[in-house]
Protein backbone atom coordinates (compact mmCIF):
# COMPACT_ATOMS: atom_id res chain seq x y z
CA MET A 1 64.58 152.46 205.85
CA ASN A 2 63.36 150.97 209.18
CA GLN A 3 65.40 153.37 210.98
CA HIS A 4 63.29 155.74 210.44
CA LEU A 5 61.14 154.15 213.04
CA LYS A 6 63.62 154.35 215.66
CA ALA A 7 64.96 157.67 214.81
CA ASP A 8 64.81 160.78 216.95
CA ALA A 9 61.82 162.87 216.29
CA SER A 10 63.21 165.97 218.04
CA THR A 11 66.18 165.44 215.77
CA ALA A 12 64.19 165.58 212.70
CA VAL A 13 62.29 168.74 213.83
CA ASP A 14 65.45 170.41 214.83
CA ILE A 15 66.74 169.88 211.39
CA ALA A 16 63.50 170.97 210.06
CA LEU A 17 63.54 174.01 211.71
CA THR A 18 67.22 175.01 210.69
CA TYR A 19 66.31 174.72 206.89
CA GLY A 20 62.96 176.83 207.56
CA LEU A 21 60.53 174.59 206.74
CA LEU A 22 57.87 176.37 209.00
CA GLN A 23 54.40 177.20 208.93
CA ARG A 24 51.88 178.95 211.03
CA THR A 25 49.18 176.65 212.86
CA LYS A 26 45.45 178.32 212.69
CA ALA A 27 46.24 179.84 216.33
CA GLY A 28 49.16 181.64 214.72
CA GLU A 29 51.98 179.50 216.43
CA LEU A 30 55.22 178.43 214.80
CA THR A 31 55.40 174.86 213.87
CA HIS A 32 57.55 172.50 211.61
CA CYS A 33 55.88 171.64 208.15
CA PRO A 34 54.08 168.01 207.57
CA LEU A 35 57.17 166.44 205.92
CA MET A 36 58.22 163.00 204.88
CA LEU A 37 61.40 161.14 206.11
CA SER A 38 61.83 158.59 203.32
CA PRO A 39 61.82 160.20 199.92
CA ALA A 40 59.79 159.63 197.02
CA PRO A 41 61.23 157.09 194.36
CA ILE A 42 61.16 158.16 190.80
CA THR A 43 62.34 156.18 187.60
CA ASN A 44 64.89 157.58 185.10
CA LEU A 45 62.11 157.03 182.48
CA LEU A 46 59.63 159.17 184.55
CA ILE A 47 62.40 162.13 185.07
CA ALA A 48 62.55 162.32 181.28
CA GLN A 49 58.51 162.54 181.00
CA LEU A 50 58.47 165.28 183.61
CA GLU A 51 61.24 167.30 181.77
CA SER A 52 59.59 166.89 178.50
CA LEU A 53 56.15 167.91 179.48
CA ALA A 54 57.24 171.27 180.95
CA GLN A 55 57.75 173.35 177.66
CA PRO A 56 54.98 172.18 175.68
CA LEU A 57 52.64 172.47 178.46
CA ALA A 58 53.68 175.99 179.03
CA ILE A 59 53.48 176.92 175.42
CA LEU A 60 49.87 175.51 175.25
CA MET A 61 48.53 177.87 178.27
CA HIS A 62 50.56 180.74 176.81
CA ARG A 63 48.76 180.41 173.46
CA VAL A 64 45.34 179.79 175.14
CA ALA A 65 45.96 182.91 177.14
CA ASN A 66 46.77 185.11 173.97
CA ASN A 67 43.48 184.08 172.56
CA LEU A 68 40.85 186.12 174.39
CA GLU A 69 38.18 184.78 171.76
CA PHE A 70 38.73 181.48 172.66
CA LEU A 71 38.69 181.78 176.43
CA ILE A 72 35.40 183.69 176.03
CA GLU A 73 33.55 180.86 174.16
CA GLN A 74 34.58 178.37 176.39
CA LEU A 75 34.11 179.96 179.64
CA GLN A 76 30.61 181.81 179.00
CA SER A 77 28.93 179.08 179.93
CA THR A 78 30.71 178.57 183.31
CA ALA A 79 30.63 182.18 183.61
CA ALA A 80 26.90 182.13 183.42
CA SER A 81 26.91 179.35 186.29
CA ASP A 82 29.63 180.95 188.76
CA GLU A 83 29.75 184.45 189.68
CA TYR A 84 33.58 184.21 190.41
CA THR A 85 34.39 183.22 186.69
CA ASN A 86 32.00 185.59 185.53
CA PHE A 87 33.69 188.80 187.45
CA LEU A 88 37.32 187.50 186.30
CA LEU A 89 36.45 187.00 182.52
CA SER A 90 34.34 190.38 182.26
CA LEU A 91 37.42 191.94 183.55
CA ALA A 92 39.62 190.26 180.82
CA ILE A 93 37.37 191.12 178.37
CA GLU A 94 37.15 194.94 180.07
CA GLU A 95 40.81 195.06 180.16
CA LYS A 96 41.81 194.57 176.29
CA ARG A 97 45.30 193.46 176.88
CA ARG A 98 47.76 195.00 174.18
CA LYS A 99 49.22 192.60 171.82
CA ASP A 100 52.80 193.32 172.80
CA ALA A 101 52.35 193.38 176.64
CA TRP A 102 54.75 191.38 178.95
CA ARG A 103 53.48 188.06 179.93
CA PHE A 104 55.32 186.49 183.35
CA SER A 105 53.87 183.21 184.16
CA LEU A 106 54.92 181.01 186.97
CA THR A 107 53.18 178.02 187.03
CA ARG A 108 52.99 174.27 188.33
CA SER A 109 51.55 171.31 186.21
CA ASP A 110 50.76 168.37 188.73
CA TYR A 111 50.78 164.61 187.90
CA PHE A 112 49.94 161.08 189.69
CA VAL A 113 52.10 158.19 188.38
CA LYS A 114 50.50 155.56 186.90
CA GLN A 115 49.74 152.39 188.08
CA GLN A 116 52.83 150.19 187.51
CA GLY A 117 54.97 153.03 186.99
CA GLU A 118 54.43 153.40 183.28
CA GLY A 119 53.84 157.17 183.07
CA LEU A 120 52.48 160.22 184.48
CA ARG A 121 48.93 161.52 184.39
CA GLN A 122 48.00 165.29 184.57
CA VAL A 123 46.01 166.06 187.86
CA GLU A 124 45.74 169.78 187.01
CA PHE A 125 47.79 173.18 185.83
CA ASN A 126 48.27 175.82 188.45
CA SER A 127 48.47 179.20 186.56
CA ILE A 128 48.16 181.15 189.97
CA ALA A 129 49.78 180.91 193.21
CA ALA A 130 52.00 178.33 192.28
CA SER A 131 52.95 177.68 195.90
CA TYR A 132 56.03 175.65 197.79
CA ILE A 133 58.69 177.26 195.34
CA GLY A 134 60.70 178.14 198.45
CA LEU A 135 59.85 174.81 200.69
CA SER A 136 60.38 172.69 197.90
CA GLN A 137 63.82 173.66 197.74
CA LYS A 138 64.05 173.37 201.84
CA ILE A 139 63.16 169.95 201.75
CA THR A 140 65.43 168.49 199.54
CA GLN A 141 68.04 170.46 201.35
CA PHE A 142 66.79 168.69 204.74
CA HIS A 143 66.90 164.93 202.91
CA GLN A 144 70.32 165.41 202.07
CA THR A 145 71.18 165.90 205.64
CA TRP A 146 68.62 163.42 207.16
CA GLY A 147 69.45 160.79 204.64
CA ASN A 148 73.55 161.19 205.87
CA LEU A 149 72.27 160.89 209.50
CA CYS A 150 70.31 157.67 208.63
CA HIS A 151 73.23 156.24 206.56
CA GLU A 152 71.27 156.34 203.42
CA THR A 153 73.08 156.76 200.09
CA TRP A 154 69.79 158.74 198.10
CA ASP A 155 70.52 160.07 195.05
CA LEU A 156 68.54 163.25 195.32
CA LEU A 157 67.03 164.83 192.05
CA PRO A 158 68.40 168.12 192.56
CA ASN A 159 65.83 171.01 192.93
CA LYS A 160 66.46 174.79 192.82
CA PRO A 161 63.20 176.60 192.33
CA ILE A 162 64.00 179.67 194.36
CA GLU A 163 67.36 180.90 192.55
CA VAL A 164 65.50 180.02 189.00
CA VAL A 165 62.31 181.76 189.98
CA ALA A 166 64.01 184.98 191.58
CA ASP A 167 66.41 185.10 188.74
CA ALA A 168 63.28 185.38 186.28
CA PHE A 169 61.67 188.20 188.67
CA VAL A 170 65.00 190.17 188.05
CA GLU A 171 64.90 189.90 184.10
CA VAL A 172 61.34 190.76 184.01
CA PHE A 173 61.60 193.46 186.73
CA ASN A 174 64.27 195.00 184.41
CA GLU A 175 62.18 195.01 181.54
CA TYR A 176 59.72 197.27 183.15
CA ASP A 177 62.78 199.85 183.39
CA VAL A 178 61.58 202.08 186.41
CA SER A 179 63.92 203.24 189.02
CA HIS A 180 62.36 203.05 192.32
CA ALA A 181 60.15 200.37 191.77
CA CYS A 182 59.04 197.31 193.72
CA VAL A 183 57.71 193.98 193.36
CA LEU A 184 54.09 193.57 194.87
CA PHE A 185 53.08 190.40 196.54
CA ILE A 186 49.02 189.99 196.64
CA VAL A 187 48.67 188.01 200.06
CA GLN A 188 46.01 186.55 201.91
CA ALA A 189 45.71 187.89 205.43
CA ASN A 190 46.51 185.30 208.40
CA GLU A 191 48.77 183.33 205.74
CA ARG A 192 49.79 180.04 207.37
CA ASN A 193 52.46 179.04 204.45
CA ILE A 194 53.91 182.51 204.86
CA PHE A 195 57.40 181.17 205.17
CA ASP A 196 57.21 179.46 201.52
CA GLN A 197 56.81 183.04 200.37
CA ARG A 198 59.36 184.58 202.74
CA LEU A 199 61.87 182.50 201.00
CA LEU A 200 61.01 184.04 197.47
CA GLU A 201 60.63 187.34 199.24
CA ILE A 202 64.45 187.17 200.61
CA ALA A 203 65.63 185.88 197.22
CA LEU A 204 64.50 189.07 195.60
CA ILE A 205 65.94 191.67 198.23
CA GLU A 206 69.48 189.45 198.25
CA ARG A 207 69.16 190.73 194.64
CA GLY A 208 68.52 194.51 194.94
CA ILE A 209 64.78 194.19 194.35
CA ARG A 210 62.27 195.59 196.93
CA VAL A 211 59.43 193.35 198.09
CA VAL A 212 55.96 194.87 199.12
CA ARG A 213 53.40 193.04 200.58
CA ALA A 214 49.42 193.67 200.52
CA SER A 215 46.03 192.26 200.13
CA LEU A 216 43.51 193.03 197.25
CA GLU A 217 41.29 195.34 199.92
CA ALA A 218 44.79 197.05 200.74
CA ILE A 219 44.85 197.93 197.12
CA GLY A 220 41.62 198.95 196.64
CA GLU A 221 41.70 201.56 199.63
CA GLN A 222 45.25 202.69 199.07
CA GLY A 223 46.53 201.83 195.21
CA GLU A 224 45.90 204.55 192.32
CA LEU A 225 46.66 204.69 189.12
CA ARG A 226 49.07 207.76 187.78
CA ASN A 227 49.55 207.85 184.06
CA GLY A 228 48.57 204.27 184.04
CA GLU A 229 51.23 202.67 186.52
CA LEU A 230 49.79 201.28 189.60
CA PHE A 231 51.03 203.16 192.67
CA PHE A 232 50.70 201.50 196.14
CA ASN A 233 51.90 203.70 199.22
CA GLY A 234 53.62 205.71 196.90
CA GLU A 235 55.78 203.34 194.82
CA ILE A 236 55.41 201.70 191.60
CA ALA A 237 54.45 198.10 191.27
CA ALA A 238 56.64 197.05 188.32
CA ILE A 239 55.39 193.28 188.83
CA THR A 240 52.15 192.20 190.96
CA TYR A 241 52.33 188.40 191.96
CA PHE A 242 49.57 186.89 193.13
CA ARG A 243 49.66 184.30 195.84
CA ALA A 244 45.94 185.35 196.64
CA GLY A 245 42.96 185.95 194.31
CA TYR A 246 42.29 182.62 193.42
CA ARG A 247 39.03 182.01 195.63
CA PRO A 248 35.82 183.73 195.52
CA ASP A 249 35.40 184.78 199.14
CA GLU A 250 38.31 187.09 198.18
CA TYR A 251 36.00 189.21 196.01
CA GLU A 252 33.14 189.40 198.44
CA THR A 253 33.94 193.26 199.40
CA LYS A 254 33.87 196.16 196.83
CA THR A 255 37.02 196.99 197.78
CA ALA A 256 38.62 193.87 196.97
CA ARG A 257 37.23 193.87 193.40
CA GLN A 258 38.13 197.42 193.03
CA GLY A 259 41.87 196.10 194.37
CA ARG A 260 41.56 193.51 191.25
CA GLN A 261 40.39 195.97 188.75
CA LEU A 262 43.32 198.80 189.80
CA ILE A 263 45.72 195.87 188.84
CA SER A 264 44.07 194.82 185.87
CA HIS A 265 43.71 198.40 184.49
CA SER A 266 47.44 199.37 185.24
CA THR A 267 50.55 198.67 183.63
CA THR A 268 52.16 196.13 185.89
CA ILE A 269 53.15 193.22 184.75
CA SER A 270 50.80 190.43 186.86
CA VAL A 271 51.86 187.18 187.45
CA PRO A 272 49.39 185.89 186.18
CA ASP A 273 48.06 188.43 184.07
CA LEU A 274 44.18 187.51 183.74
CA PRO A 275 44.05 185.78 180.46
CA THR A 276 46.29 183.47 181.81
CA HIS A 277 44.32 182.83 185.23
CA LEU A 278 41.63 182.10 183.31
CA ALA A 279 43.63 179.67 181.02
CA GLY A 280 44.51 177.78 183.82
CA THR A 281 40.75 177.14 185.16
CA LYS A 282 39.34 173.31 185.50
CA LYS A 283 36.92 173.95 182.43
CA ILE A 284 39.66 175.10 180.16
CA GLN A 285 41.58 171.86 181.30
CA GLN A 286 38.65 169.82 180.27
CA VAL A 287 38.36 171.81 177.14
CA LEU A 288 41.89 170.85 176.03
CA THR A 289 41.54 167.28 176.16
CA SER A 290 40.21 167.36 173.04
CA PRO A 291 42.88 166.81 170.03
CA GLU A 292 40.65 169.01 167.87
CA VAL A 293 40.82 172.06 170.12
CA LEU A 294 44.70 171.12 170.54
CA ARG A 295 45.33 171.75 167.10
CA LEU A 296 44.53 175.34 167.45
CA PHE A 297 47.50 175.67 169.78
CA LEU A 298 50.24 173.12 169.05
CA ASP A 299 51.78 170.77 166.50
CA GLU A 300 51.22 167.23 166.12
CA GLU A 301 54.08 165.90 168.14
CA ASP A 302 53.46 168.20 170.89
CA ILE A 303 49.75 167.19 170.90
CA ALA A 304 51.09 163.35 171.44
CA LEU A 305 53.25 164.33 173.89
CA VAL A 306 50.76 166.27 176.37
CA ARG A 307 48.16 163.86 175.67
CA SER A 308 49.76 161.13 176.81
CA ALA A 309 49.64 162.37 180.43
CA PHE A 310 45.98 163.65 180.30
CA ALA A 311 43.56 161.91 182.03
CA GLY A 312 39.60 161.46 180.99
CA ILE A 313 37.86 164.88 181.91
CA TYR A 314 34.44 165.54 180.68
CA THR A 315 31.74 168.02 181.20
CA LEU A 316 28.48 166.54 183.02
CA ASP A 317 26.31 166.45 180.37
CA THR A 318 29.52 164.83 177.72
CA PRO A 319 28.03 161.30 176.22
CA ILE A 320 30.79 158.59 177.16
CA GLU A 321 31.55 154.87 176.80
CA PHE A 322 31.43 153.39 180.42
CA ALA A 323 30.27 149.85 181.48
CA GLY A 324 29.74 148.95 177.83
CA LYS A 325 26.93 151.38 177.17
CA THR A 326 27.07 154.91 176.15
CA MET A 327 25.54 157.35 178.81
CA LEU A 328 26.28 161.02 180.00
CA ALA A 329 29.30 161.57 182.47
CA SER A 330 26.93 162.60 185.24
CA GLU A 331 25.22 159.18 184.93
CA ALA A 332 28.50 157.37 184.65
CA ALA A 333 29.30 158.99 187.95
CA ILE A 334 26.04 158.34 189.96
CA SER A 335 26.78 154.63 188.89
CA LYS A 336 30.01 154.22 189.95
CA PRO A 337 31.69 157.43 191.84
CA GLU A 338 34.84 155.80 193.05
CA GLN A 339 35.81 155.84 189.52
CA PHE A 340 35.44 160.02 189.43
CA VAL A 341 36.20 163.16 191.12
CA LEU A 342 33.85 166.09 190.69
CA LYS A 343 35.80 169.45 190.56
CA PRO A 344 33.79 172.71 190.72
CA GLN A 345 36.18 175.65 189.03
CA ARG A 346 37.58 176.59 192.55
CA GLU A 347 41.51 176.55 193.11
CA GLY A 348 43.16 176.04 196.25
CA GLY A 349 42.32 172.42 197.40
CA GLY A 350 39.70 171.00 199.69
CA PHE A 351 36.68 171.80 197.31
CA ASN A 352 36.61 168.58 195.29
CA LEU A 353 34.14 165.83 195.78
CA TYR A 354 34.46 162.10 196.00
CA GLY A 355 32.66 158.84 196.46
CA GLU A 356 29.12 159.09 197.65
CA ASP A 357 29.14 163.13 197.84
CA ILE A 358 29.52 162.73 194.29
CA ARG A 359 26.46 161.15 193.90
CA GLN A 360 24.57 162.88 196.21
CA CYS A 361 25.70 166.40 194.46
CA LEU A 362 24.79 164.73 191.15
CA SER A 363 21.40 163.70 192.22
CA ASN A 364 20.35 167.09 193.48
CA ILE A 365 22.27 169.70 191.07
CA GLN A 366 19.88 172.20 189.35
CA PRO A 367 20.18 172.77 185.79
CA GLN A 368 21.60 176.07 185.73
CA GLU A 369 24.67 174.84 188.02
CA ARG A 370 25.72 171.90 186.10
CA ASN A 371 28.10 173.99 183.96
CA ALA A 372 30.23 174.91 187.15
CA TYR A 373 31.50 171.74 187.24
CA ILE A 374 33.52 169.02 185.46
CA LEU A 375 34.12 165.46 185.96
CA MET A 376 37.44 164.04 186.10
CA GLU A 377 38.54 160.14 186.03
CA ARG A 378 39.76 159.30 189.13
CA LEU A 379 43.30 158.41 189.42
CA TYR A 380 44.69 155.90 191.75
CA PRO A 381 48.80 156.01 191.77
CA PRO A 382 50.96 153.15 192.96
CA LYS A 383 51.24 152.73 196.79
CA SER A 384 54.34 152.28 198.71
CA LEU A 385 55.61 152.24 202.47
CA GLY A 386 56.66 155.84 203.90
CA TRP A 387 57.62 157.56 206.95
CA GLY A 388 56.54 161.06 207.77
CA ILE A 389 56.43 163.25 210.70
CA ARG A 390 53.73 165.85 211.87
CA ASN A 391 53.40 168.04 214.50
CA GLY A 392 56.57 166.43 216.03
CA GLU A 393 55.39 162.73 215.98
CA ILE A 394 56.79 159.90 213.57
CA TRP A 395 54.41 157.72 211.62
CA GLN A 396 54.57 155.05 208.87
CA GLY A 397 51.92 154.29 206.32
CA GLN A 398 50.85 153.48 202.88
CA VAL A 399 51.38 156.50 200.75
CA VAL A 400 50.85 158.14 197.39
CA HIS A 401 52.86 161.11 196.13
CA GLU A 402 51.79 163.76 193.70
CA ILE A 403 54.54 165.38 191.75
CA GLY A 404 54.40 169.10 190.79
CA GLN A 405 56.55 170.45 187.83
CA PHE A 406 57.45 174.70 188.21
CA GLY A 407 58.00 176.68 185.07
CA VAL A 408 58.42 179.95 184.31
CA LEU A 409 57.51 181.61 180.82
CA MET A 410 58.41 185.02 179.70
CA ALA A 411 56.94 186.55 176.29
CA HIS A 412 56.90 189.76 174.95
CA GLY A 413 53.62 189.69 172.86
CA ASP A 414 53.37 186.36 170.73
CA GLU A 415 57.13 186.30 171.10
CA VAL A 416 58.36 183.56 174.05
CA LEU A 417 61.84 184.79 175.31
CA THR A 418 61.98 182.21 178.04
CA ASN A 419 60.19 178.82 178.80
CA ARG A 420 61.91 176.59 180.85
CA ALA A 421 61.41 174.34 184.14
CA ALA A 422 62.23 175.61 187.54
CA GLY A 423 62.25 172.74 189.90
CA TYR A 424 59.43 170.44 191.38
CA LEU A 425 57.01 169.83 194.58
CA VAL A 426 56.39 166.59 196.03
CA ARG A 427 53.48 166.17 198.15
CA THR A 428 52.76 162.75 199.89
CA LYS A 429 49.65 161.86 201.54
CA LEU A 430 48.74 158.45 203.39
CA ASP A 431 46.90 156.40 200.43
CA ASP A 432 43.45 156.50 202.19
CA LEU A 433 43.07 160.44 202.06
CA ASN A 434 41.22 162.00 198.91
CA GLU A 435 42.96 165.81 199.05
CA GLY A 436 46.79 166.27 199.28
CA GLY A 437 46.94 169.59 200.27
CA ILE A 438 49.69 170.49 202.88
CA SER A 439 47.97 173.88 204.15
CA SER A 440 44.85 172.45 204.57
CA GLY A 441 46.50 169.48 206.79
CA TYR A 442 46.40 166.62 204.44
CA GLY A 443 49.72 166.32 202.65
CA HIS A 444 53.36 166.23 203.50
CA LEU A 445 56.27 168.12 201.87
CA ASN A 446 58.80 165.48 200.15
CA SER A 447 61.47 165.41 197.62
CA LEU A 448 62.45 163.01 194.86
CA VAL A 449 65.35 160.44 195.04
CA LYS A 450 66.10 158.07 192.03
CA ALA A 451 64.63 154.66 192.45
CA ASN A 452 67.86 152.86 191.84
CA THR A 453 69.47 154.45 194.88
CA LEU A 454 66.97 153.39 197.66
CA THR A 455 68.04 150.94 200.25
CA GLY A 456 65.90 148.61 202.50
C-alpha cells in the first residue's frame, strides 16, 4: 500500500467531502474528518466474535436497566462521591418507570484486538450518545472509491448503520402512535460533530419523521408537560434522542437540570432512558466483571461468551494478585501505572489518566473521592503500519485500531422485541497516543477490510 504515500492529498480530501465526511473546527469552519486511507484488517474469526457479542451484551444491559434496585445498590457509593452520578440516580429513583414502558436503546460496545490477534477485549459499553452512526457508514463508502483509485482489491466489511438505526426509529415512533409528533434530538451548543448527527436526521426526514434539535437548556426554558406528554415549541416529542447530556458540565445550570427532569417525567421514549444510561456507567461495567453478578442476568453460555471479552476492572480498594503478591488495585497501579488506566465516571473521552498521572492522582486522592474512579487493565492492541490524512496532509505511522459494534434494542417491559447489531465504527490512532477520540483530535475514522484481501 505504498501508493498511499504518493497519492494526491487533494483528491483524497475531495472524495471525503463528496461523501460528507465533514466536521467543524473549533473556530466553526468546515474541514474533512481525520480519516485513514488504509482500512483496518480483521480476520473472519474476529468478525464472528464481534457479531456474537452484540446480542448478549445488549440483553445484559437491558436486564440491568430493568433492575433499579441493583443499580441503586451498586451506584450509591459512587453517587456519594460524584454529584453528577447522584443527580442521575436520584432522578431515576424519582421517575418510577412503569413496568410496561417502552425501551429503545442505541448502544456501542468498543473493543481492542488482543495481542497476537486471538480475540477481542472490551474497552467500554456506550449506552448514551453512541456517536458516528452516520460517518462510519460514509467512511466505508469512501474506502470503496479510494481502494479503486489505488488499484486495491479490498473486501470491505459491509456497514450500513444509518439505515438500520433509522428504520428502528420509525418502528418505535409508530409505537408511540401520536399524530403530528416529532423526534427531539438533545444536542450541545457549537457541536463540531454535527454532520454525523445530520446524516441520521436526514434519514429520518426521508422516512417521513420530523426532527427538532434542542439543548437541555432550551427544553428547560420552553418545554412543558401536557397530560404527561413532552411538548417543545408546541410539538409532541414521541422520541427524545440524547446526543448530549452525558457530561457534568451540561447540568451546571438549574434550567438544564429542569430540562432533564421534564424529559424524565414525560411519556416520551428516551434514547436512552435513565436506567439504561446508568447501566452504561463505568462502575456498573466494573461490577459486571464478576461471574456471580452476571448470573443475576444471563445464562452460563452467555456469561462465558461475554466474559471472554472482559478486561480486568477493579475498584481502587479491590485486593488483586499482582507481581506475585496480594495488594490493593490502587497500590498495584502506583507501582506499575503503565499496566492500568484510571477512569472517572465520565463519558465523551479525554478524562482517563495514564502513566505517571495515575501515580500522582492515586498518591494524593482523598478518601471521599476513591469511589468516583475505577482501575482498568491497560490493553495494548497489536500495531501495524497505517496511512491517514488530517488537515489535508497525508501521514504514515504505527497505528492501533479500536472497533465499536453498534446495536439497537427495542423492548416493551420485559419483552424484547428487537435486538440486533447495527454496523460498526473503527477509530484508528497512532500507537503512542493514549486517547482515541476523533472529535477530540486523536483518532481517525476507518473501516474494516477482511485481512486476506490486503495487498502490499
